[in-house]
Amino acid sequence: MARKWLSMLAASGLMAVSTLAMAAAPVVAASAANPAPNAAQVKAAHDLMAAMQTEKMARSVGGGSKFPNEQQRQEFMAKLDKVPAEQVYTRLSAPVAKLLTPETVLEMTRFYQSSYGQKVLQMDYNSRPSMYGAMPKPTPEEKKALAKPAYVKADQEFQAARSAIRHEVFVLVTEVAKSK
């Protein structure tokens, strides 16, 4: 049924539109998680951004952007290097607090502060691109923590919001690029 629907869309020239709509669906769903976060929830999201080392994600997003030439790339990366990590966390905390429930923010902060979470970040930010997305091997104790229902639920919500979080990082990087 889905294949027939996609064939029909492709034939009618709407494939690009439907692809965009499908890509936007997780962002729309994630944005309803916590529409009006309070100050404590924004602070918790700030702590998550710090635990995730989102300043490194900003460098990754900025580095993956297209520039007319290498000199402009280097100028932008130098500008991005001058942005304090604390400013990145503060700027992203309110939008991220809207994307995730308070329970997910707290659970994912615990995860990224754990030894296994640190290994995951190390691989995310310091490894070469890979077709298979190799993850570090958790210890038996870490496996137990990853199997807890609270973490499983939080990870599912976090993964659903991941592209929206990356979009917020992109918005931040764009603002840095436009600043003088």
N, C-alpha and C. Protein backbone atom coordinates (compact mmCIF):
# COMPACT_ATOMS: atom_id res chain seq x y z
N MET A 1 0.82 -1.19 0.00
CA MET A 1 0.00 0.00 0.00
C MET A 1 0.87 1.26 0.00
N ALA A 2 1.89 1.29 0.88
CA ALA A 2 2.76 2.46 0.94
C ALA A 2 3.55 2.62 -0.35
N ARG A 3 3.99 1.52 -0.93
CA ARG A 3 4.74 1.57 -2.18
C ARG A 3 3.88 2.15 -3.30
N LYS A 4 2.61 1.72 -3.34
CA LYS A 4 1.69 2.22 -4.35
C LYS A 4 1.47 3.72 -4.16
N TRP A 5 1.32 4.15 -2.92
CA TRP A 5 1.13 5.56 -2.62
C TRP A 5 2.34 6.39 -3.05
N LEU A 6 3.55 5.89 -2.76
CA LEU A 6 4.77 6.60 -3.15
C LEU A 6 4.90 6.66 -4.66
N SER A 7 4.53 5.58 -5.35
CA SER A 7 4.58 5.57 -6.81
C SER A 7 3.62 6.62 -7.38
N MET A 8 2.47 6.70 -6.79
CA MET A 8 1.48 7.67 -7.24
C MET A 8 1.99 9.10 -7.01
N LEU A 9 2.61 9.35 -5.86
CA LEU A 9 3.16 10.67 -5.58
C LEU A 9 4.28 11.02 -6.54
N ALA A 10 5.17 10.05 -6.79
CA ALA A 10 6.27 10.29 -7.70
C ALA A 10 5.75 10.61 -9.09
N ALA A 11 4.74 9.88 -9.52
CA ALA A 11 4.16 10.11 -10.84
C ALA A 11 3.52 11.49 -10.94
N SER A 12 2.97 11.96 -9.87
CA SER A 12 2.30 13.26 -9.92
C SER A 12 3.26 14.42 -9.60
N GLY A 13 4.52 14.12 -9.38
CA GLY A 13 5.49 15.19 -9.13
C GLY A 13 5.47 15.72 -7.72
N LEU A 14 4.82 15.04 -6.81
CA LEU A 14 4.72 15.52 -5.44
C LEU A 14 5.69 14.82 -4.50
N MET A 15 6.57 14.03 -5.03
CA MET A 15 7.49 13.26 -4.19
C MET A 15 8.33 14.18 -3.31
N ALA A 16 8.85 15.27 -3.87
CA ALA A 16 9.68 16.18 -3.08
C ALA A 16 8.89 16.80 -1.94
N VAL A 17 7.67 17.18 -2.22
CA VAL A 17 6.83 17.78 -1.19
C VAL A 17 6.53 16.78 -0.09
N SER A 18 6.21 15.54 -0.45
CA SER A 18 5.90 14.54 0.56
C SER A 18 7.12 14.19 1.38
N THR A 19 8.29 14.17 0.77
CA THR A 19 9.52 13.89 1.50
C THR A 19 9.76 14.98 2.53
N LEU A 20 9.55 16.23 2.15
CA LEU A 20 9.71 17.32 3.11
C LEU A 20 8.71 17.21 4.24
N ALA A 21 7.49 16.86 3.92
CA ALA A 21 6.47 16.72 4.95
C ALA A 21 6.82 15.60 5.91
N MET A 22 7.32 14.47 5.39
CA MET A 22 7.70 13.35 6.26
C MET A 22 8.89 13.73 7.13
N ALA A 23 9.83 14.49 6.58
CA ALA A 23 11.00 14.91 7.36
C ALA A 23 10.61 15.88 8.46
N ALA A 24 9.60 16.69 8.21
CA ALA A 24 9.18 17.68 9.21
C ALA A 24 8.31 17.06 10.30
N ALA A 25 7.73 15.91 10.06
CA ALA A 25 6.82 15.30 11.03
C ALA A 25 7.46 15.09 12.40
N PRO A 26 8.69 14.55 12.51
CA PRO A 26 9.27 14.39 13.84
C PRO A 26 9.49 15.72 14.55
N VAL A 27 9.84 16.76 13.79
CA VAL A 27 10.06 18.07 14.39
C VAL A 27 8.76 18.59 14.97
N VAL A 28 7.67 18.45 14.22
CA VAL A 28 6.37 18.90 14.69
C VAL A 28 5.95 18.11 15.92
N ALA A 29 6.12 16.79 15.88
CA ALA A 29 5.73 15.95 17.01
C ALA A 29 6.58 16.28 18.23
N ALA A 30 7.87 16.50 18.03
CA ALA A 30 8.75 16.78 19.15
C ALA A 30 8.47 18.15 19.76
N SER A 31 8.03 19.10 18.95
CA SER A 31 7.82 20.45 19.48
C SER A 31 6.65 20.51 20.45
N ALA A 32 5.81 19.50 20.49
CA ALA A 32 4.66 19.50 21.39
C ALA A 32 4.99 18.89 22.75
N ALA A 33 6.21 18.45 22.98
CA ALA A 33 6.56 17.76 24.21
C ALA A 33 6.39 18.63 25.45
N ASN A 34 6.79 19.88 25.39
CA ASN A 34 6.75 20.77 26.56
C ASN A 34 6.61 22.20 26.05
N PRO A 35 5.41 22.60 25.62
CA PRO A 35 5.24 23.89 24.95
C PRO A 35 5.57 25.12 25.79
N ALA A 36 5.46 25.05 27.10
CA ALA A 36 5.72 26.22 27.95
C ALA A 36 6.59 25.85 29.14
N PRO A 37 7.90 25.66 28.89
CA PRO A 37 8.77 25.26 30.00
C PRO A 37 8.97 26.40 31.01
N ASN A 38 9.09 26.01 32.28
CA ASN A 38 9.37 27.01 33.31
C ASN A 38 10.88 27.19 33.46
N ALA A 39 11.30 28.07 34.35
CA ALA A 39 12.72 28.40 34.51
C ALA A 39 13.54 27.17 34.93
N ALA A 40 12.98 26.33 35.79
CA ALA A 40 13.70 25.13 36.23
C ALA A 40 13.90 24.16 35.06
N GLN A 41 12.91 24.06 34.18
CA GLN A 41 13.03 23.17 33.03
C GLN A 41 14.06 23.71 32.02
N VAL A 42 14.10 25.02 31.85
CA VAL A 42 15.10 25.62 30.97
C VAL A 42 16.49 25.40 31.55
N LYS A 43 16.63 25.52 32.86
CA LYS A 43 17.93 25.27 33.52
C LYS A 43 18.33 23.82 33.34
N ALA A 44 17.38 22.90 33.46
CA ALA A 44 17.67 21.48 33.26
C ALA A 44 18.11 21.22 31.81
N ALA A 45 17.46 21.88 30.85
CA ALA A 45 17.86 21.74 29.45
C ALA A 45 19.27 22.32 29.24
N HIS A 46 19.58 23.41 29.95
CA HIS A 46 20.93 23.99 29.90
C HIS A 46 21.95 22.94 30.36
N ASP A 47 21.63 22.27 31.46
CA ASP A 47 22.53 21.24 31.98
C ASP A 47 22.70 20.09 30.98
N LEU A 48 21.62 19.75 30.27
CA LEU A 48 21.72 18.71 29.24
C LEU A 48 22.62 19.18 28.11
N MET A 49 22.48 20.43 27.68
CA MET A 49 23.33 20.95 26.61
C MET A 49 24.81 20.92 27.02
N ALA A 50 25.07 21.22 28.28
CA ALA A 50 26.44 21.15 28.78
C ALA A 50 26.94 19.71 28.81
N ALA A 51 26.09 18.79 29.29
CA ALA A 51 26.49 17.38 29.35
C ALA A 51 26.74 16.82 27.95
N MET A 52 25.97 17.31 26.97
CA MET A 52 26.13 16.85 25.58
C MET A 52 27.28 17.55 24.86
N GLN A 53 27.87 18.54 25.49
CA GLN A 53 28.95 19.32 24.88
C GLN A 53 28.51 19.87 23.52
N THR A 54 27.38 20.57 23.51
CA THR A 54 26.79 21.02 22.25
C THR A 54 27.65 22.04 21.51
N GLU A 55 28.63 22.62 22.17
CA GLU A 55 29.54 23.50 21.43
C GLU A 55 30.27 22.70 20.36
N LYS A 56 30.53 21.43 20.62
CA LYS A 56 31.17 20.57 19.62
C LYS A 56 30.20 20.24 18.50
N MET A 57 28.91 20.08 18.83
CA MET A 57 27.91 19.86 17.80
C MET A 57 27.81 21.09 16.90
N ALA A 58 27.92 22.28 17.49
CA ALA A 58 27.88 23.51 16.71
C ALA A 58 29.05 23.55 15.72
N ARG A 59 30.22 23.13 16.17
CA ARG A 59 31.38 23.08 15.26
C ARG A 59 31.14 22.07 14.14
N SER A 60 30.53 20.95 14.48
CA SER A 60 30.24 19.93 13.48
C SER A 60 29.24 20.45 12.44
N VAL A 61 28.19 21.10 12.91
CA VAL A 61 27.19 21.66 12.00
C VAL A 61 27.82 22.76 11.14
N GLY A 62 28.57 23.63 11.77
CA GLY A 62 29.23 24.71 11.03
C GLY A 62 30.24 24.18 10.03
N GLY A 63 31.00 23.19 10.44
CA GLY A 63 32.00 22.61 9.55
C GLY A 63 31.39 21.88 8.37
N GLY A 64 30.17 21.37 8.55
CA GLY A 64 29.51 20.66 7.46
C GLY A 64 28.75 21.57 6.52
N SER A 65 28.73 22.85 6.81
CA SER A 65 28.02 23.81 5.96
C SER A 65 28.83 24.09 4.70
N LYS A 66 28.13 24.54 3.68
CA LYS A 66 28.80 24.86 2.41
C LYS A 66 29.25 26.31 2.42
N PHE A 67 30.48 26.52 1.97
CA PHE A 67 31.05 27.86 1.87
C PHE A 67 31.57 28.05 0.45
N PRO A 68 31.56 29.28 -0.04
CA PRO A 68 32.05 29.52 -1.41
C PRO A 68 33.52 29.15 -1.58
N ASN A 69 34.30 29.32 -0.50
CA ASN A 69 35.73 28.98 -0.59
C ASN A 69 36.26 28.64 0.80
N GLU A 70 37.46 28.11 0.82
CA GLU A 70 38.07 27.66 2.08
C GLU A 70 38.37 28.83 3.02
N GLN A 71 38.71 29.98 2.48
CA GLN A 71 38.99 31.13 3.33
C GLN A 71 37.75 31.54 4.13
N GLN A 72 36.59 31.55 3.50
CA GLN A 72 35.37 31.89 4.22
C GLN A 72 35.03 30.85 5.27
N ARG A 73 35.29 29.58 4.99
CA ARG A 73 35.09 28.52 5.98
C ARG A 73 35.97 28.78 7.19
N GLN A 74 37.24 29.07 6.95
CA GLN A 74 38.17 29.31 8.05
C GLN A 74 37.79 30.54 8.86
N GLU A 75 37.34 31.59 8.18
CA GLU A 75 36.91 32.81 8.89
C GLU A 75 35.70 32.51 9.77
N PHE A 76 34.75 31.74 9.23
CA PHE A 76 33.57 31.40 10.02
C PHE A 76 33.95 30.54 11.22
N MET A 77 34.78 29.52 11.01
CA MET A 77 35.16 28.64 12.12
C MET A 77 35.92 29.42 13.19
N ALA A 78 36.73 30.41 12.80
CA ALA A 78 37.42 31.25 13.78
C ALA A 78 36.39 32.06 14.58
N LYS A 79 35.35 32.55 13.91
CA LYS A 79 34.29 33.30 14.59
C LYS A 79 33.54 32.38 15.56
N LEU A 80 33.25 31.16 15.12
CA LEU A 80 32.54 30.20 15.96
C LEU A 80 33.39 29.81 17.17
N ASP A 81 34.69 29.71 17.00
CA ASP A 81 35.59 29.38 18.11
C ASP A 81 35.56 30.43 19.22
N LYS A 82 35.21 31.66 18.86
CA LYS A 82 35.17 32.74 19.85
C LYS A 82 33.88 32.74 20.68
N VAL A 83 32.90 31.95 20.26
CA VAL A 83 31.64 31.88 21.01
C VAL A 83 31.87 30.97 22.22
N PRO A 84 31.68 31.48 23.44
CA PRO A 84 31.89 30.66 24.63
C PRO A 84 30.88 29.49 24.69
N ALA A 85 31.33 28.37 25.18
CA ALA A 85 30.46 27.19 25.31
C ALA A 85 29.22 27.54 26.13
N GLU A 86 29.38 28.32 27.16
CA GLU A 86 28.24 28.71 28.01
C GLU A 86 27.17 29.43 27.21
N GLN A 87 27.58 30.25 26.26
CA GLN A 87 26.63 30.97 25.42
C GLN A 87 25.85 29.98 24.53
N VAL A 88 26.51 28.96 24.05
CA VAL A 88 25.85 27.93 23.24
C VAL A 88 24.78 27.23 24.09
N TYR A 89 25.14 26.83 25.30
CA TYR A 89 24.20 26.14 26.19
C TYR A 89 22.99 27.02 26.50
N THR A 90 23.27 28.28 26.82
CA THR A 90 22.20 29.21 27.18
C THR A 90 21.27 29.44 26.00
N ARG A 91 21.83 29.64 24.83
CA ARG A 91 21.01 29.91 23.63
C ARG A 91 20.13 28.71 23.26
N LEU A 92 20.63 27.51 23.47
CA LEU A 92 19.89 26.31 23.08
C LEU A 92 18.93 25.80 24.16
N SER A 93 19.10 26.23 25.40
CA SER A 93 18.33 25.64 26.49
C SER A 93 16.82 25.86 26.38
N ALA A 94 16.37 27.05 26.02
CA ALA A 94 14.92 27.28 25.91
C ALA A 94 14.28 26.49 24.78
N PRO A 95 14.85 26.50 23.57
CA PRO A 95 14.23 25.69 22.51
C PRO A 95 14.24 24.19 22.82
N VAL A 96 15.31 23.70 23.41
CA VAL A 96 15.39 22.27 23.73
C VAL A 96 14.41 21.92 24.84
N ALA A 97 14.22 22.83 25.80
CA ALA A 97 13.24 22.58 26.88
C ALA A 97 11.83 22.43 26.32
N LYS A 98 11.55 23.06 25.19
CA LYS A 98 10.25 22.92 24.55
C LYS A 98 10.12 21.59 23.80
N LEU A 99 11.24 21.06 23.35
CA LEU A 99 11.23 19.84 22.53
C LEU A 99 11.11 18.56 23.35
N LEU A 100 11.58 18.60 24.60
CA LEU A 100 11.67 17.39 25.41
C LEU A 100 10.88 17.56 26.72
N THR A 101 10.36 16.46 27.21
CA THR A 101 9.70 16.50 28.51
C THR A 101 10.76 16.66 29.60
N PRO A 102 10.38 17.20 30.75
CA PRO A 102 11.36 17.36 31.85
C PRO A 102 12.00 16.02 32.25
N GLU A 103 11.22 14.95 32.23
CA GLU A 103 11.77 13.62 32.59
C GLU A 103 12.86 13.20 31.61
N THR A 104 12.62 13.45 30.34
CA THR A 104 13.62 13.08 29.33
C THR A 104 14.88 13.91 29.49
N VAL A 105 14.73 15.20 29.74
CA VAL A 105 15.89 16.07 29.93
C VAL A 105 16.75 15.56 31.08
N LEU A 106 16.13 15.24 32.21
CA LEU A 106 16.89 14.77 33.37
C LEU A 106 17.54 13.42 33.10
N GLU A 107 16.81 12.50 32.48
CA GLU A 107 17.35 11.17 32.20
C GLU A 107 18.51 11.23 31.19
N MET A 108 18.38 12.05 30.16
CA MET A 108 19.44 12.15 29.16
C MET A 108 20.64 12.90 29.72
N THR A 109 20.42 13.83 30.64
CA THR A 109 21.56 14.49 31.30
C THR A 109 22.34 13.46 32.11
N ARG A 110 21.63 12.62 32.85
CA ARG A 110 22.30 11.54 33.60
C ARG A 110 23.08 10.64 32.65
N PHE A 111 22.45 10.30 31.52
CA PHE A 111 23.12 9.43 30.55
C PHE A 111 24.42 10.06 30.06
N TYR A 112 24.36 11.30 29.58
CA TYR A 112 25.56 11.92 29.01
C TYR A 112 26.62 12.24 30.06
N GLN A 113 26.25 12.27 31.33
CA GLN A 113 27.24 12.45 32.39
C GLN A 113 27.86 11.13 32.82
N SER A 114 27.26 10.01 32.42
CA SER A 114 27.77 8.70 32.80
C SER A 114 29.02 8.35 31.99
N SER A 115 29.75 7.34 32.45
CA SER A 115 30.96 6.95 31.72
C SER A 115 30.62 6.47 30.31
N TYR A 116 29.52 5.74 30.16
CA TYR A 116 29.14 5.27 28.83
C TYR A 116 28.69 6.45 27.95
N GLY A 117 27.95 7.37 28.51
CA GLY A 117 27.53 8.56 27.75
C GLY A 117 28.73 9.36 27.27
N GLN A 118 29.76 9.44 28.10
CA GLN A 118 30.99 10.14 27.70
C GLN A 118 31.68 9.41 26.54
N LYS A 119 31.63 8.08 26.56
CA LYS A 119 32.21 7.31 25.45
C LYS A 119 31.43 7.57 24.16
N VAL A 120 30.12 7.65 24.27
CA VAL A 120 29.27 7.92 23.10
C VAL A 120 29.61 9.31 22.53
N LEU A 121 29.73 10.30 23.41
CA LEU A 121 30.10 11.64 22.95
C LEU A 121 31.47 11.64 22.29
N GLN A 122 32.41 10.93 22.88
CA GLN A 122 33.75 10.84 22.32
C GLN A 122 33.69 10.30 20.89
N MET A 123 32.89 9.26 20.69
CA MET A 123 32.76 8.69 19.35
C MET A 123 32.03 9.66 18.42
N ASP A 124 30.98 10.31 18.91
CA ASP A 124 30.21 11.25 18.08
C ASP A 124 31.08 12.40 17.57
N TYR A 125 31.86 12.97 18.45
CA TYR A 125 32.59 14.18 18.11
C TYR A 125 34.01 13.95 17.63
N ASN A 126 34.58 12.79 17.89
CA ASN A 126 35.99 12.60 17.57
C ASN A 126 36.29 11.44 16.64
N SER A 127 35.28 10.73 16.18
CA SER A 127 35.55 9.61 15.30
C SER A 127 35.31 10.02 13.85
N ARG A 128 35.85 9.21 12.98
CA ARG A 128 35.65 9.44 11.55
C ARG A 128 34.23 9.03 11.17
N PRO A 129 33.72 9.61 10.08
CA PRO A 129 32.41 9.17 9.61
C PRO A 129 32.43 7.68 9.29
N SER A 130 31.33 7.02 9.59
CA SER A 130 31.24 5.58 9.39
C SER A 130 29.88 5.23 8.81
N MET A 131 29.87 4.24 7.94
CA MET A 131 28.61 3.79 7.35
C MET A 131 27.76 3.06 8.38
N TYR A 132 28.38 2.50 9.37
CA TYR A 132 27.65 1.64 10.30
C TYR A 132 27.40 2.25 11.66
N GLY A 133 27.87 3.46 11.91
CA GLY A 133 27.59 4.14 13.18
C GLY A 133 27.96 3.30 14.39
N ALA A 134 29.18 2.81 14.43
CA ALA A 134 29.64 1.95 15.53
C ALA A 134 29.51 2.67 16.87
N MET A 135 28.95 1.97 17.83
CA MET A 135 28.80 2.51 19.18
C MET A 135 29.81 1.81 20.08
N PRO A 136 30.24 2.47 21.15
CA PRO A 136 31.13 1.79 22.09
C PRO A 136 30.40 0.64 22.77
N LYS A 137 31.14 -0.34 23.19
CA LYS A 137 30.54 -1.51 23.83
C LYS A 137 30.33 -1.22 25.32
N PRO A 138 29.07 -1.31 25.78
CA PRO A 138 28.82 -1.03 27.21
C PRO A 138 29.25 -2.20 28.09
N THR A 139 29.64 -1.86 29.31
CA THR A 139 29.96 -2.87 30.30
C THR A 139 28.65 -3.51 30.76
N PRO A 140 28.69 -4.65 31.46
CA PRO A 140 27.44 -5.24 31.97
C PRO A 140 26.63 -4.27 32.84
N GLU A 141 27.31 -3.50 33.66
CA GLU A 141 26.62 -2.51 34.51
C GLU A 141 25.96 -1.44 33.66
N GLU A 142 26.67 -0.98 32.62
CA GLU A 142 26.11 0.03 31.72
C GLU A 142 24.92 -0.54 30.94
N LYS A 143 24.99 -1.81 30.57
CA LYS A 143 23.87 -2.45 29.86
C LYS A 143 22.62 -2.44 30.73
N LYS A 144 22.79 -2.69 32.03
CA LYS A 144 21.64 -2.65 32.94
C LYS A 144 21.02 -1.26 32.97
N ALA A 145 21.86 -0.24 33.04
CA ALA A 145 21.37 1.14 33.08
C ALA A 145 20.65 1.49 31.77
N LEU A 146 21.16 1.00 30.65
CA LEU A 146 20.55 1.28 29.35
C LEU A 146 19.23 0.54 29.15
N ALA A 147 19.00 -0.49 29.94
CA ALA A 147 17.77 -1.28 29.82
C ALA A 147 16.66 -0.79 30.74
N LYS A 148 16.95 0.14 31.63
CA LYS A 148 15.92 0.65 32.54
C LYS A 148 14.82 1.34 31.74
N PRO A 149 13.56 1.08 32.13
CA PRO A 149 12.43 1.67 31.39
C PRO A 149 12.49 3.20 31.28
N ALA A 150 12.94 3.88 32.32
CA ALA A 150 13.00 5.35 32.28
C ALA A 150 13.98 5.81 31.20
N TYR A 151 15.14 5.12 31.10
CA TYR A 151 16.10 5.49 30.07
C TYR A 151 15.59 5.14 28.68
N VAL A 152 15.00 3.97 28.52
CA VAL A 152 14.50 3.54 27.21
C VAL A 152 13.47 4.55 26.69
N LYS A 153 12.55 4.94 27.56
CA LYS A 153 11.51 5.91 27.17
C LYS A 153 12.16 7.26 26.82
N ALA A 154 13.08 7.72 27.65
CA ALA A 154 13.74 9.01 27.40
C ALA A 154 14.55 8.96 26.11
N ASP A 155 15.24 7.87 25.87
CA ASP A 155 16.05 7.76 24.66
C ASP A 155 15.16 7.79 23.42
N GLN A 156 14.01 7.14 23.47
CA GLN A 156 13.10 7.17 22.32
C GLN A 156 12.63 8.59 22.03
N GLU A 157 12.26 9.31 23.08
CA GLU A 157 11.82 10.70 22.89
C GLU A 157 12.98 11.56 22.38
N PHE A 158 14.16 11.33 22.95
CA PHE A 158 15.33 12.11 22.55
C PHE A 158 15.68 11.85 21.08
N GLN A 159 15.65 10.60 20.67
CA GLN A 159 15.95 10.27 19.28
C GLN A 159 14.93 10.90 18.33
N ALA A 160 13.67 10.94 18.74
CA ALA A 160 12.64 11.56 17.91
C ALA A 160 12.87 13.07 17.77
N ALA A 161 13.46 13.68 18.79
CA ALA A 161 13.70 15.12 18.77
C ALA A 161 15.10 15.48 18.27
N ARG A 162 15.92 14.51 18.00
CA ARG A 162 17.32 14.74 17.62
C ARG A 162 17.46 15.70 16.43
N SER A 163 16.66 15.50 15.38
CA SER A 163 16.77 16.38 14.21
C SER A 163 16.32 17.80 14.55
N ALA A 164 15.34 17.94 15.41
CA ALA A 164 14.88 19.27 15.82
C ALA A 164 15.96 19.96 16.66
N ILE A 165 16.66 19.21 17.50
CA ILE A 165 17.76 19.79 18.29
C ILE A 165 18.87 20.23 17.35
N ARG A 166 19.19 19.39 16.39
CA ARG A 166 20.23 19.74 15.41
C ARG A 166 19.81 20.99 14.62
N HIS A 167 18.52 21.11 14.33
CA HIS A 167 18.03 22.30 13.64
C HIS A 167 18.27 23.54 14.49
N GLU A 168 18.01 23.44 15.80
CA GLU A 168 18.26 24.58 16.69
C GLU A 168 19.74 24.95 16.72
N VAL A 169 20.61 23.95 16.64
CA VAL A 169 22.05 24.22 16.56
C VAL A 169 22.35 24.93 15.25
N PHE A 170 21.73 24.49 14.16
CA PHE A 170 21.91 25.14 12.87
C PHE A 170 21.48 26.60 12.92
N VAL A 171 20.34 26.88 13.57
CA VAL A 171 19.87 28.26 13.72
C VAL A 171 20.92 29.09 14.47
N LEU A 172 21.47 28.53 15.52
CA LEU A 172 22.51 29.22 16.29
C LEU A 172 23.73 29.48 15.41
N VAL A 173 24.17 28.49 14.67
CA VAL A 173 25.34 28.63 13.81
C VAL A 173 25.08 29.70 12.75
N THR A 174 23.88 29.74 12.22
CA THR A 174 23.53 30.75 11.23
C THR A 174 23.59 32.15 11.84
N GLU A 175 23.11 32.30 13.07
CA GLU A 175 23.18 33.59 13.75
C GLU A 175 24.63 34.02 13.98
N VAL A 176 25.48 33.06 14.32
CA VAL A 176 26.90 33.37 14.51
C VAL A 176 27.51 33.82 13.18
N ALA A 177 27.15 33.15 12.10
CA ALA A 177 27.68 33.49 10.79
C ALA A 177 27.27 34.91 10.37
N LYS A 178 26.06 35.33 10.76
CA LYS A 178 25.57 36.65 10.38
C LYS A 178 26.10 37.76 11.28
N SER A 179 26.58 37.39 12.47
CA SER A 179 27.07 38.40 13.41
C SER A 179 28.42 38.95 12.95
N LYS A 180 28.72 40.14 13.46
CA LYS A 180 29.99 40.77 13.06
C LYS A 180 31.05 40.57 14.08
